[in-house]
Amino acid sequence: MQKTASWTIVALVAASPLHAQTIDPHQVIGAAIASDIARDRQAERDARRAPYASPGYGPIASAAAARDACAAKALYQAGPDGKLIGRPRASTMATGWEVEGEIGFADGGTVPFVCSVRNGSVSGVLLKR
């Protein structure tokens, strides 16, 4: 609605006194409101057509980047005493990668993790404790 108000003000200021005689301010306001309503309806139609569409792609565009991002997220969830064991394995999926690996702890225990990268960003990390 703020854009509608700003366009209305611009239209009223831009109209010279000569044009002010032929352009009714009510018509300008009505047109701005109608445009705002049409934009809202278009957004609703787009949301119905693709309700689960991704808002955009993240920066992860390779298997190596997926491994690095998932390892960092898994280590963060494991806590400060967790260490990555070996190199995580990345396998492709339709919309990204699935990464599997292991995290070791100072007491000798290990925890496997699974992570998924979809549409360029990490969508979930599961530590199998």
Protein backbone atom coordinates (compact mmCIF):
# COMPACT_ATOMS: atom_id res chain seq x y z
CA MET A 1 0.00 0.00 0.00
CA GLN A 2 2.97 2.29 0.56
CA LYS A 3 3.91 1.97 -3.12
CA THR A 4 0.35 2.85 -4.05
CA ALA A 5 0.51 5.99 -1.94
CA SER A 6 3.87 7.00 -3.39
CA TRP A 7 2.64 6.54 -6.98
CA THR A 8 -0.45 8.57 -6.17
CA ILE A 9 1.65 11.43 -4.81
CA VAL A 10 4.00 11.31 -7.81
CA ALA A 11 1.06 11.38 -10.22
CA LEU A 12 -0.54 14.33 -8.46
CA VAL A 13 2.73 16.30 -8.28
CA ALA A 14 3.70 15.50 -11.88
CA ALA A 15 0.40 16.79 -13.22
CA SER A 16 0.80 20.42 -14.19
CA PRO A 17 -2.07 22.88 -13.60
CA LEU A 18 -3.08 22.43 -17.26
CA HIS A 19 -3.27 18.66 -16.85
CA ALA A 20 -4.92 19.00 -13.47
CA GLN A 21 -7.97 20.35 -15.29
CA THR A 22 -8.36 17.10 -17.25
CA ILE A 23 -7.05 14.49 -14.75
CA ASP A 24 -9.30 13.83 -11.82
CA PRO A 25 -7.33 12.94 -8.66
CA HIS A 26 -10.01 10.37 -7.81
CA GLN A 27 -9.27 8.55 -11.07
CA VAL A 28 -5.55 8.45 -10.23
CA ILE A 29 -6.26 7.05 -6.78
CA GLY A 30 -8.74 4.54 -8.19
CA ALA A 31 -6.24 3.36 -10.80
CA ALA A 32 -3.52 2.96 -8.18
CA ILE A 33 -5.82 0.90 -5.94
CA ALA A 34 -6.92 -1.27 -8.88
CA SER A 35 -3.28 -1.88 -9.81
CA ASP A 36 -2.48 -2.88 -6.23
CA ILE A 37 -5.41 -5.32 -6.14
CA ALA A 38 -4.38 -6.86 -9.47
CA ARG A 39 -0.82 -7.36 -8.20
CA ASP A 40 -2.12 -9.10 -5.05
CA ARG A 41 -4.36 -11.39 -7.09
CA GLN A 42 -1.48 -12.32 -9.39
CA ALA A 43 0.64 -13.25 -6.36
CA GLU A 44 -2.20 -15.46 -5.06
CA ARG A 45 -2.52 -17.19 -8.46
CA ASP A 46 1.22 -17.81 -8.59
CA ALA A 47 1.16 -19.29 -5.07
CA ARG A 48 -1.66 -21.67 -6.04
CA ARG A 49 0.13 -22.82 -9.21
CA ALA A 50 3.42 -23.58 -7.44
CA PRO A 51 2.77 -23.79 -3.69
CA TYR A 52 6.14 -25.37 -2.91
CA ALA A 53 8.30 -23.38 -5.31
CA SER A 54 11.68 -22.50 -3.96
CA PRO A 55 12.16 -18.78 -3.38
CA GLY A 56 15.61 -19.03 -4.91
CA TYR A 57 18.74 -21.07 -5.19
CA GLY A 58 21.45 -20.99 -2.58
CA PRO A 59 25.18 -20.84 -3.18
CA ILE A 60 25.82 -24.62 -3.06
CA ALA A 61 26.33 -25.74 -6.66
CA SER A 62 28.73 -28.71 -6.46
CA ALA A 63 29.20 -31.97 -4.58
CA ALA A 64 32.32 -30.60 -2.87
CA ALA A 65 30.42 -27.54 -1.65
CA ALA A 66 27.59 -29.81 -0.45
CA ARG A 67 30.09 -31.97 1.50
CA ASP A 68 31.67 -28.92 3.11
CA ALA A 69 28.35 -27.29 4.04
CA CYS A 70 26.89 -30.50 5.47
CA ALA A 71 30.04 -31.29 7.43
CA ALA A 72 29.99 -27.81 8.96
CA LYS A 73 26.30 -28.12 9.93
CA ALA A 74 26.79 -31.61 11.39
CA LEU A 75 29.81 -30.50 13.42
CA TYR A 76 27.83 -27.53 14.72
CA GLN A 77 25.01 -29.84 15.85
CA ALA A 78 27.44 -32.34 17.40
CA GLY A 79 28.98 -29.72 19.65
CA PRO A 80 32.47 -28.42 20.32
CA ASP A 81 34.04 -31.83 21.07
CA GLY A 82 32.97 -33.38 17.73
CA LYS A 83 35.54 -34.04 14.99
CA LEU A 84 34.92 -35.12 11.41
CA ILE A 85 36.12 -38.66 10.68
CA GLY A 86 37.23 -39.20 7.10
CA ARG A 87 35.67 -37.49 4.12
CA PRO A 88 31.86 -37.29 3.82
CA ARG A 89 30.31 -38.99 0.77
CA ALA A 90 27.98 -37.01 -1.49
CA SER A 91 25.52 -38.69 -3.85
CA THR A 92 23.26 -36.87 -6.29
CA MET A 93 19.50 -36.56 -5.95
CA ALA A 94 16.97 -34.95 -8.28
CA THR A 95 17.20 -31.54 -6.60
CA GLY A 96 20.65 -31.65 -5.03
CA TRP A 97 22.83 -33.99 -2.97
CA GLU A 98 22.63 -36.37 -0.03
CA VAL A 99 25.75 -36.34 2.13
CA GLU A 100 26.73 -39.08 4.60
CA GLY A 101 29.61 -39.08 7.04
CA GLU A 102 30.76 -39.73 10.60
CA ILE A 103 31.61 -37.54 13.55
CA GLY A 104 33.92 -38.78 16.30
CA PHE A 105 34.08 -37.67 19.91
CA ALA A 106 36.91 -37.48 22.46
CA ASP A 107 35.48 -40.45 24.40
CA GLY A 108 35.94 -42.70 21.35
CA GLY A 109 32.33 -42.83 20.21
CA THR A 110 31.24 -42.11 16.67
CA VAL A 111 27.95 -40.83 15.29
CA PRO A 112 26.95 -41.15 11.63
CA PHE A 113 25.12 -38.25 10.01
CA VAL A 114 22.96 -37.77 6.93
CA CYS A 115 22.42 -34.38 5.36
CA SER A 116 20.43 -33.23 2.33
CA VAL A 117 21.16 -30.26 0.11
CA ARG A 118 18.22 -29.13 -1.99
CA ASN A 119 18.00 -26.21 -4.39
CA GLY A 120 21.41 -24.95 -3.39
CA SER A 121 21.08 -24.90 0.40
CA VAL A 122 21.23 -27.35 3.31
CA SER A 123 17.70 -28.51 4.05
CA GLY A 124 18.31 -30.92 6.90
CA VAL A 125 20.93 -32.67 9.03
CA LEU A 126 20.25 -35.85 11.00
CA LEU A 127 22.71 -37.16 13.58
CA LYS A 128 21.96 -40.85 14.21
CA ARG A 129 22.58 -41.12 17.96
